[in-house]
Amino acid sequence: MVLGMADTQKVTVTLPIDQVAAIRDLVRDGSTASVSGFVTAAVALALEDRLAFEELLDEGLQKTGGPMTPQEQRWADQIIRGGT
């Protein structure tokens, strides 16, 4: 085990070449410690953003009558997917 890597799991991800190059540039200039460190921070931020959005949505739904009905959910799904 690498020191400081407890409770981690190695995975393989595929990223666009330009993103990998940009991350490696950040590592090279010392803006981030490693590619793995950068990706870990990016994933943590994305998860935090998703949780914050879900909490905001739940709060808004509670203020406007509670959870959506199945019919309202289908309508919202259609709007999000670009349907009518």
N, C-alpha and C. Protein backbone atom coordinates (compact mmCIF):
# COMPACT_ATOMS: atom_id res chain seq x y z
N MET A 1 0.85 -1.18 0.00
CA MET A 1 0.00 0.00 0.00
C MET A 1 0.89 1.24 0.00
N VAL A 2 0.50 2.21 -0.79
CA VAL A 2 1.21 3.48 -0.85
C VAL A 2 0.77 4.34 0.32
N LEU A 3 1.72 4.97 0.99
CA LEU A 3 1.41 5.82 2.13
C LEU A 3 0.43 6.92 1.72
N GLY A 4 -0.62 7.11 2.49
CA GLY A 4 -1.59 8.15 2.18
C GLY A 4 -2.68 7.70 1.23
N MET A 5 -2.66 6.45 0.82
CA MET A 5 -3.63 5.96 -0.15
C MET A 5 -4.62 4.96 0.45
N ALA A 6 -4.77 4.96 1.78
CA ALA A 6 -5.73 4.06 2.43
C ALA A 6 -7.14 4.37 1.94
N ASP A 7 -7.96 3.35 1.92
CA ASP A 7 -9.36 3.50 1.52
C ASP A 7 -9.51 4.07 0.12
N THR A 8 -8.68 3.63 -0.79
CA THR A 8 -8.81 4.04 -2.19
C THR A 8 -8.88 2.79 -3.05
N GLN A 9 -9.33 2.95 -4.27
CA GLN A 9 -9.38 1.86 -5.22
C GLN A 9 -8.94 2.39 -6.57
N LYS A 10 -8.08 1.68 -7.21
CA LYS A 10 -7.59 2.08 -8.53
C LYS A 10 -8.66 1.75 -9.57
N VAL A 11 -8.96 2.73 -10.42
CA VAL A 11 -9.91 2.54 -11.52
C VAL A 11 -9.30 3.10 -12.79
N THR A 12 -9.86 2.72 -13.89
CA THR A 12 -9.43 3.25 -15.18
C THR A 12 -10.56 4.10 -15.74
N VAL A 13 -10.24 5.30 -16.17
CA VAL A 13 -11.22 6.17 -16.81
C VAL A 13 -10.66 6.62 -18.15
N THR A 14 -11.54 6.98 -19.04
CA THR A 14 -11.14 7.49 -20.34
C THR A 14 -11.53 8.96 -20.41
N LEU A 15 -10.55 9.80 -20.72
CA LEU A 15 -10.76 11.24 -20.82
C LEU A 15 -10.32 11.71 -22.20
N PRO A 16 -10.89 12.81 -22.66
CA PRO A 16 -10.42 13.40 -23.91
C PRO A 16 -8.93 13.78 -23.80
N ILE A 17 -8.21 13.62 -24.87
CA ILE A 17 -6.77 13.88 -24.89
C ILE A 17 -6.44 15.28 -24.41
N ASP A 18 -7.23 16.26 -24.82
CA ASP A 18 -6.93 17.64 -24.42
C ASP A 18 -7.08 17.84 -22.91
N GLN A 19 -8.03 17.14 -22.28
CA GLN A 19 -8.18 17.25 -20.84
C GLN A 19 -7.00 16.62 -20.10
N VAL A 20 -6.55 15.48 -20.58
CA VAL A 20 -5.38 14.83 -19.97
C VAL A 20 -4.17 15.73 -20.10
N ALA A 21 -3.98 16.33 -21.26
CA ALA A 21 -2.85 17.23 -21.47
C ALA A 21 -2.93 18.43 -20.53
N ALA A 22 -4.12 18.98 -20.36
CA ALA A 22 -4.29 20.13 -19.48
C ALA A 22 -3.99 19.76 -18.02
N ILE A 23 -4.44 18.58 -17.60
CA ILE A 23 -4.15 18.14 -16.23
C ILE A 23 -2.65 17.93 -16.05
N ARG A 24 -2.02 17.29 -17.02
CA ARG A 24 -0.57 17.06 -16.92
C ARG A 24 0.20 18.38 -16.90
N ASP A 25 -0.28 19.37 -17.62
CA ASP A 25 0.34 20.70 -17.56
C ASP A 25 0.25 21.28 -16.15
N LEU A 26 -0.91 21.09 -15.50
CA LEU A 26 -1.08 21.58 -14.13
C LEU A 26 -0.13 20.86 -13.17
N VAL A 27 0.06 19.57 -13.39
CA VAL A 27 1.01 18.82 -12.56
C VAL A 27 2.42 19.34 -12.80
N ARG A 28 2.77 19.52 -14.06
CA ARG A 28 4.10 19.97 -14.43
C ARG A 28 4.43 21.34 -13.82
N ASP A 29 3.45 22.24 -13.81
CA ASP A 29 3.73 23.58 -13.27
C ASP A 29 3.49 23.69 -11.76
N GLY A 30 3.15 22.56 -11.13
CA GLY A 30 3.01 22.53 -9.68
C GLY A 30 1.66 23.00 -9.16
N SER A 31 0.70 23.22 -10.04
CA SER A 31 -0.63 23.67 -9.60
C SER A 31 -1.42 22.56 -8.92
N THR A 32 -1.09 21.32 -9.22
CA THR A 32 -1.70 20.16 -8.57
C THR A 32 -0.64 19.09 -8.41
N ALA A 33 -0.81 18.26 -7.40
CA ALA A 33 0.25 17.29 -7.07
C ALA A 33 0.36 16.14 -8.07
N SER A 34 -0.78 15.69 -8.59
CA SER A 34 -0.77 14.53 -9.48
C SER A 34 -2.06 14.49 -10.29
N VAL A 35 -2.03 13.68 -11.34
CA VAL A 35 -3.24 13.48 -12.13
C VAL A 35 -4.32 12.87 -11.24
N SER A 36 -3.95 11.85 -10.47
CA SER A 36 -4.93 11.22 -9.57
C SER A 36 -5.50 12.20 -8.56
N GLY A 37 -4.65 13.05 -8.00
CA GLY A 37 -5.11 14.05 -7.05
C GLY A 37 -6.09 15.02 -7.69
N PHE A 38 -5.80 15.44 -8.91
CA PHE A 38 -6.69 16.36 -9.62
C PHE A 38 -8.04 15.70 -9.88
N VAL A 39 -8.02 14.46 -10.38
CA VAL A 39 -9.25 13.76 -10.69
C VAL A 39 -10.05 13.51 -9.41
N THR A 40 -9.38 13.15 -8.32
CA THR A 40 -10.05 12.94 -7.04
C THR A 40 -10.76 14.22 -6.59
N ALA A 41 -10.09 15.35 -6.71
CA ALA A 41 -10.69 16.63 -6.32
C ALA A 41 -11.87 16.97 -7.23
N ALA A 42 -11.73 16.71 -8.52
CA ALA A 42 -12.81 17.01 -9.47
C ALA A 42 -14.04 16.15 -9.18
N VAL A 43 -13.82 14.87 -8.89
CA VAL A 43 -14.94 13.98 -8.58
C VAL A 43 -15.62 14.42 -7.28
N ALA A 44 -14.82 14.76 -6.26
CA ALA A 44 -15.39 15.23 -5.00
C ALA A 44 -16.25 16.47 -5.22
N LEU A 45 -15.77 17.41 -6.02
CA LEU A 45 -16.53 18.63 -6.30
C LEU A 45 -17.83 18.30 -7.04
N ALA A 46 -17.77 17.41 -8.02
CA ALA A 46 -18.97 17.04 -8.76
C ALA A 46 -20.00 16.37 -7.85
N LEU A 47 -19.54 15.51 -6.94
CA LEU A 47 -20.45 14.86 -6.01
C LEU A 47 -21.07 15.86 -5.05
N GLU A 48 -20.29 16.81 -4.57
CA GLU A 48 -20.80 17.86 -3.69
C GLU A 48 -21.85 18.71 -4.41
N ASP A 49 -21.56 19.06 -5.68
CA ASP A 49 -22.51 19.85 -6.47
C ASP A 49 -23.82 19.10 -6.66
N ARG A 50 -23.73 17.81 -6.94
CA ARG A 50 -24.95 17.02 -7.14
C ARG A 50 -25.77 16.97 -5.86
N LEU A 51 -25.12 16.74 -4.73
CA LEU A 51 -25.82 16.70 -3.45
C LEU A 51 -26.48 18.04 -3.14
N ALA A 52 -25.75 19.13 -3.39
CA ALA A 52 -26.30 20.47 -3.14
C ALA A 52 -27.51 20.71 -4.02
N PHE A 53 -27.46 20.29 -5.29
CA PHE A 53 -28.59 20.46 -6.19
C PHE A 53 -29.79 19.65 -5.71
N GLU A 54 -29.55 18.41 -5.30
CA GLU A 54 -30.65 17.57 -4.81
C GLU A 54 -31.29 18.19 -3.57
N GLU A 55 -30.47 18.74 -2.66
CA GLU A 55 -31.01 19.39 -1.46
C GLU A 55 -31.81 20.62 -1.83
N LEU A 56 -31.32 21.41 -2.78
CA LEU A 56 -32.04 22.60 -3.24
C LEU A 56 -33.36 22.21 -3.89
N LEU A 57 -33.34 21.18 -4.71
CA LEU A 57 -34.57 20.72 -5.36
C LEU A 57 -35.57 20.22 -4.32
N ASP A 58 -35.10 19.42 -3.36
CA ASP A 58 -36.00 18.93 -2.30
C ASP A 58 -36.62 20.09 -1.52
N GLU A 59 -35.79 21.09 -1.19
CA GLU A 59 -36.29 22.26 -0.46
C GLU A 59 -37.35 23.00 -1.27
N GLY A 60 -37.08 23.19 -2.55
CA GLY A 60 -38.03 23.87 -3.41
C GLY A 60 -39.34 23.10 -3.55
N LEU A 61 -39.23 21.78 -3.67
CA LEU A 61 -40.45 20.97 -3.77
C LEU A 61 -41.26 21.04 -2.48
N GLN A 62 -40.60 21.03 -1.34
CA GLN A 62 -41.32 21.11 -0.07
C GLN A 62 -42.04 22.45 0.07
N LYS A 63 -41.44 23.51 -0.45
CA LYS A 63 -42.06 24.84 -0.37
C LYS A 63 -43.22 25.01 -1.35
N THR A 64 -43.29 24.12 -2.35
CA THR A 64 -44.32 24.29 -3.38
C THR A 64 -45.27 23.11 -3.47
N GLY A 65 -45.41 22.36 -2.38
CA GLY A 65 -46.42 21.32 -2.38
C GLY A 65 -45.92 19.90 -2.25
N GLY A 66 -44.66 19.70 -2.02
CA GLY A 66 -44.15 18.34 -1.81
C GLY A 66 -43.61 17.71 -3.08
N PRO A 67 -43.28 16.42 -2.98
CA PRO A 67 -42.69 15.72 -4.12
C PRO A 67 -43.61 15.73 -5.34
N MET A 68 -43.00 15.59 -6.50
CA MET A 68 -43.77 15.57 -7.74
C MET A 68 -44.59 14.29 -7.83
N THR A 69 -45.74 14.41 -8.46
CA THR A 69 -46.54 13.23 -8.76
C THR A 69 -45.87 12.50 -9.92
N PRO A 70 -46.21 11.24 -10.16
CA PRO A 70 -45.64 10.54 -11.31
C PRO A 70 -45.89 11.28 -12.63
N GLN A 71 -47.06 11.88 -12.77
CA GLN A 71 -47.37 12.64 -13.99
C GLN A 71 -46.46 13.85 -14.11
N GLU A 72 -46.24 14.58 -13.03
CA GLU A 72 -45.34 15.74 -13.04
C GLU A 72 -43.91 15.30 -13.35
N GLN A 73 -43.49 14.17 -12.82
CA GLN A 73 -42.15 13.66 -13.07
C GLN A 73 -41.97 13.31 -14.55
N ARG A 74 -42.97 12.67 -15.15
CA ARG A 74 -42.90 12.35 -16.59
C ARG A 74 -42.80 13.62 -17.41
N TRP A 75 -43.59 14.64 -17.06
CA TRP A 75 -43.55 15.92 -17.77
C TRP A 75 -42.16 16.55 -17.65
N ALA A 76 -41.61 16.57 -16.43
CA ALA A 76 -40.28 17.16 -16.22
C ALA A 76 -39.22 16.39 -17.00
N ASP A 77 -39.31 15.07 -17.00
CA ASP A 77 -38.35 14.25 -17.75
C ASP A 77 -38.41 14.57 -19.25
N GLN A 78 -39.61 14.77 -19.77
CA GLN A 78 -39.76 15.12 -21.19
C GLN A 78 -39.12 16.48 -21.48
N ILE A 79 -39.34 17.45 -20.62
CA ILE A 79 -38.77 18.78 -20.80
C ILE A 79 -37.24 18.70 -20.77
N ILE A 80 -36.70 17.99 -19.79
CA ILE A 80 -35.26 17.88 -19.66
C ILE A 80 -34.63 17.22 -20.88
N ARG A 81 -35.31 16.23 -21.42
CA ARG A 81 -34.78 15.51 -22.58
C ARG A 81 -35.05 16.24 -23.90
N GLY A 82 -35.71 17.38 -23.83
CA GLY A 82 -35.96 18.17 -25.03
C GLY A 82 -37.23 17.82 -25.75
N GLY A 83 -38.08 17.01 -25.13
CA GLY A 83 -39.35 16.64 -25.73
C GLY A 83 -40.39 17.71 -25.45
N THR A 84 -41.58 17.48 -25.93
CA THR A 84 -42.67 18.41 -25.68
C THR A 84 -43.78 17.77 -24.90
